[in-house]
Amino acid sequence: MSASTDLVRRQLDAYNAQDIEAFMAFYTEDAVLSGLNGAVNQEGHAAIRARHLDLFAEFPENRADVVNEIDLGSIVMVHERVERAPGGDNFEVAAIYTLRDGKIARVDFARGS
């Protein structure tokens, strides 16, 4: 596993553990989250933190699992299967992580139906 894939996987582990401090440590201060080919949804640590604190509160059993990934060095594309709660709402997403200086600088999400 490359350093890029390892970084994204450890970020996903922190997400699944709902450990906001560990999760945020993987992001640059100016990181952005966006829909694929869409507007930026969250920009910067404060906005990303707030989004995930709300998400973790609303879905305390939320989990994302890697289905497949493509590692291009500074770009890591991950096909994830997300389950909000056991037996609950689930969906698939392609997350395109852009890395800079050993952290995640941008994530573009494409959500399946």
C-alpha atoms as a PDB file:
ATOM      1  CA  MET A   1       0.000   0.000   0.000  1.00  0.00           C
ATOM      2  CA  SER A   2       1.404   3.401  -0.946  1.00  0.00           C
ATOM      3  CA  ALA A   3       1.703   6.337   1.442  1.00  0.00           C
ATOM      4  CA  SER A   4      -1.185   8.061  -0.388  1.00  0.00           C
ATOM      5  CA  THR A   5      -3.551   5.106  -0.050  1.00  0.00           C
ATOM      6  CA  ASP A   6      -2.468   4.590   3.560  1.00  0.00           C
ATOM      7  CA  LEU A   7      -3.281   8.224   4.397  1.00  0.00           C
ATOM      8  CA  VAL A   8      -6.757   7.978   2.854  1.00  0.00           C
ATOM      9  CA  ARG A   9      -7.426   4.649   4.599  1.00  0.00           C
ATOM     10  CA  ARG A  10      -6.344   6.020   8.012  1.00  0.00           C
ATOM     11  CA  GLN A  11      -8.628   9.035   7.444  1.00  0.00           C
ATOM     12  CA  LEU A  12     -11.470   6.623   6.710  1.00  0.00           C
ATOM     13  CA  ASP A  13     -10.677   4.676   9.891  1.00  0.00           C
ATOM     14  CA  ALA A  14     -10.959   7.913  11.905  1.00  0.00           C
ATOM     15  CA  TYR A  15     -14.247   8.693  10.097  1.00  0.00           C
ATOM     16  CA  ASN A  16     -15.635   5.251  10.986  1.00  0.00           C
ATOM     17  CA  ALA A  17     -14.520   5.669  14.604  1.00  0.00           C
ATOM     18  CA  GLN A  18     -16.186   9.113  14.578  1.00  0.00           C
ATOM     19  CA  ASP A  19     -12.982  10.506  16.082  1.00  0.00           C
ATOM     20  CA  ILE A  20     -13.249  14.120  14.946  1.00  0.00           C
ATOM     21  CA  GLU A  21      -9.767  15.124  16.146  1.00  0.00           C
ATOM     22  CA  ALA A  22      -8.042  12.228  14.382  1.00  0.00           C
ATOM     23  CA  PHE A  23     -10.206  12.783  11.280  1.00  0.00           C
ATOM     24  CA  MET A  24      -9.413  16.491  11.035  1.00  0.00           C
ATOM     25  CA  ALA A  25      -5.669  15.850  11.433  1.00  0.00           C
ATOM     26  CA  PHE A  26      -5.672  14.396   7.904  1.00  0.00           C
ATOM     27  CA  TYR A  27      -6.921  17.636   6.284  1.00  0.00           C
ATOM     28  CA  THR A  28      -5.093  20.798   5.280  1.00  0.00           C
ATOM     29  CA  GLU A  29      -6.353  23.990   6.946  1.00  0.00           C
ATOM     30  CA  ASP A  30      -7.777  25.172   3.601  1.00  0.00           C
ATOM     31  CA  ALA A  31      -9.252  21.825   2.522  1.00  0.00           C
ATOM     32  CA  VAL A  32     -12.508  21.741   0.578  1.00  0.00           C
ATOM     33  CA  LEU A  33     -15.304  19.189   0.163  1.00  0.00           C
ATOM     34  CA  SER A  34     -17.294  19.353  -3.038  1.00  0.00           C
ATOM     35  CA  GLY A  35     -19.753  17.483  -5.163  1.00  0.00           C
ATOM     36  CA  LEU A  36     -18.137  16.228  -8.362  1.00  0.00           C
ATOM     37  CA  ASN A  37     -18.322  19.023 -10.956  1.00  0.00           C
ATOM     38  CA  GLY A  38     -20.265  21.106  -8.457  1.00  0.00           C
ATOM     39  CA  ALA A  39     -19.868  23.925  -6.033  1.00  0.00           C
ATOM     40  CA  VAL A  40     -17.733  23.651  -2.914  1.00  0.00           C
ATOM     41  CA  ASN A  41     -19.896  22.483  -0.002  1.00  0.00           C
ATOM     42  CA  GLN A  42     -17.440  23.030   2.860  1.00  0.00           C
ATOM     43  CA  GLU A  43     -14.229  25.030   2.895  1.00  0.00           C
ATOM     44  CA  GLY A  44     -11.669  25.033   5.699  1.00  0.00           C
ATOM     45  CA  HIS A  45     -11.310  23.157   8.965  1.00  0.00           C
ATOM     46  CA  ALA A  46     -14.200  24.867  10.779  1.00  0.00           C
ATOM     47  CA  ALA A  47     -16.752  24.017   8.074  1.00  0.00           C
ATOM     48  CA  ILE A  48     -15.508  20.444   7.604  1.00  0.00           C
ATOM     49  CA  ARG A  49     -15.475  19.878  11.371  1.00  0.00           C
ATOM     50  CA  ALA A  50     -19.017  21.243  11.774  1.00  0.00           C
ATOM     51  CA  ARG A  51     -20.325  19.062   8.925  1.00  0.00           C
ATOM     52  CA  HIS A  52     -18.855  15.910  10.415  1.00  0.00           C
ATOM     53  CA  LEU A  53     -19.888  16.659  13.993  1.00  0.00           C
ATOM     54  CA  ASP A  54     -23.470  17.019  12.717  1.00  0.00           C
ATOM     55  CA  LEU A  55     -23.143  13.827  10.649  1.00  0.00           C
ATOM     56  CA  PHE A  56     -21.725  11.826  13.576  1.00  0.00           C
ATOM     57  CA  ALA A  57     -24.490  13.083  15.885  1.00  0.00           C
ATOM     58  CA  GLU A  58     -27.246  12.247  13.401  1.00  0.00           C
ATOM     59  CA  PHE A  59     -25.809   8.842  12.420  1.00  0.00           C
ATOM     60  CA  PRO A  60     -23.858   7.408  15.373  1.00  0.00           C
ATOM     61  CA  GLU A  61     -23.482   4.038  13.627  1.00  0.00           C
ATOM     62  CA  ASN A  62     -22.494   5.485  10.237  1.00  0.00           C
ATOM     63  CA  ARG A  63     -19.784   3.489   8.448  1.00  0.00           C
ATOM     64  CA  ALA A  64     -17.980   3.685   5.105  1.00  0.00           C
ATOM     65  CA  ASP A  65     -16.164   0.679   3.637  1.00  0.00           C
ATOM     66  CA  VAL A  66     -13.749   0.618   0.714  1.00  0.00           C
ATOM     67  CA  VAL A  67     -15.011  -1.338  -2.290  1.00  0.00           C
ATOM     68  CA  ASN A  68     -12.167  -0.405  -4.626  1.00  0.00           C
ATOM     69  CA  GLU A  69      -9.485   2.234  -4.994  1.00  0.00           C
ATOM     70  CA  ILE A  70      -7.177   3.719  -7.588  1.00  0.00           C
ATOM     71  CA  ASP A  71      -3.924   5.308  -6.445  1.00  0.00           C
ATOM     72  CA  LEU A  72      -2.397   7.921  -8.742  1.00  0.00           C
ATOM     73  CA  GLY A  73      -0.002   9.374  -6.166  1.00  0.00           C
ATOM     74  CA  SER A  74      -1.399  12.780  -5.266  1.00  0.00           C
ATOM     75  CA  ILE A  75      -4.893  11.641  -6.335  1.00  0.00           C
ATOM     76  CA  VAL A  76      -6.605   8.659  -4.712  1.00  0.00           C
ATOM     77  CA  MET A  77     -10.027   7.593  -5.962  1.00  0.00           C
ATOM     78  CA  VAL A  78     -12.049   5.424  -3.606  1.00  0.00           C
ATOM     79  CA  HIS A  79     -15.317   3.622  -4.294  1.00  0.00           C
ATOM     80  CA  GLU A  80     -17.002   3.537  -0.859  1.00  0.00           C
ATOM     81  CA  ARG A  81     -20.121   1.814   0.403  1.00  0.00           C
ATOM     82  CA  VAL A  82     -21.756   3.863   3.165  1.00  0.00           C
ATOM     83  CA  GLU A  83     -24.276   2.509   5.660  1.00  0.00           C
ATOM     84  CA  ARG A  84     -25.930   5.031   7.984  1.00  0.00           C
ATOM     85  CA  ALA A  85     -26.977   2.316  10.473  1.00  0.00           C
ATOM     86  CA  PRO A  86     -27.070  -1.478  10.427  1.00  0.00           C
ATOM     87  CA  GLY A  87     -29.929  -2.380   8.100  1.00  0.00           C
ATOM     88  CA  GLY A  88     -30.571   1.321   7.458  1.00  0.00           C
ATOM     89  CA  ASP A  89     -30.035   3.733   4.589  1.00  0.00           C
ATOM     90  CA  ASN A  90     -27.025   2.856   2.462  1.00  0.00           C
ATOM     91  CA  PHE A  91     -25.477   4.203  -0.713  1.00  0.00           C
ATOM     92  CA  GLU A  92     -22.290   4.161  -2.752  1.00  0.00           C
ATOM     93  CA  VAL A  93     -19.992   7.068  -3.403  1.00  0.00           C
ATOM     94  CA  ALA A  94     -16.853   7.727  -5.400  1.00  0.00           C
ATOM     95  CA  ALA A  95     -14.566   9.964  -3.378  1.00  0.00           C
ATOM     96  CA  ILE A  96     -11.706  11.621  -5.244  1.00  0.00           C
ATOM     97  CA  TYR A  97      -9.063  12.722  -2.751  1.00  0.00           C
ATOM     98  CA  THR A  98      -6.463  15.307  -3.773  1.00  0.00           C
ATOM     99  CA  LEU A  99      -3.409  15.224  -1.520  1.00  0.00           C
ATOM    100  CA  ARG A 100      -0.931  18.013  -0.800  1.00  0.00           C
ATOM    101  CA  ASP A 101       2.026  17.960   1.570  1.00  0.00           C
ATOM    102  CA  GLY A 102       0.962  14.678   3.170  1.00  0.00           C
ATOM    103  CA  LYS A 103      -2.634  15.760   3.866  1.00  0.00           C
ATOM    104  CA  ILE A 104      -5.999  15.848   2.111  1.00  0.00           C
ATOM    105  CA  ALA A 105      -6.545  19.170   0.379  1.00  0.00           C
ATOM    106  CA  ARG A 106      -9.770  18.392  -1.474  1.00  0.00           C
ATOM    107  CA  VAL A 107     -12.405  15.702  -1.762  1.00  0.00           C
ATOM    108  CA  ASP A 108     -14.863  15.559  -4.647  1.00  0.00           C
ATOM    109  CA  PHE A 109     -17.806  13.215  -4.126  1.00  0.00           C
ATOM    110  CA  ALA A 110     -19.971  11.508  -6.730  1.00  0.00           C
ATOM    111  CA  ARG A 111     -22.898   9.746  -5.050  1.00  0.00           C
ATOM    112  CA  GLY A 112     -24.672   6.850  -6.690  1.00  0.00           C
ATOM    113  CA  SER A 113     -28.404   6.316  -6.572  1.00  0.00           C
END
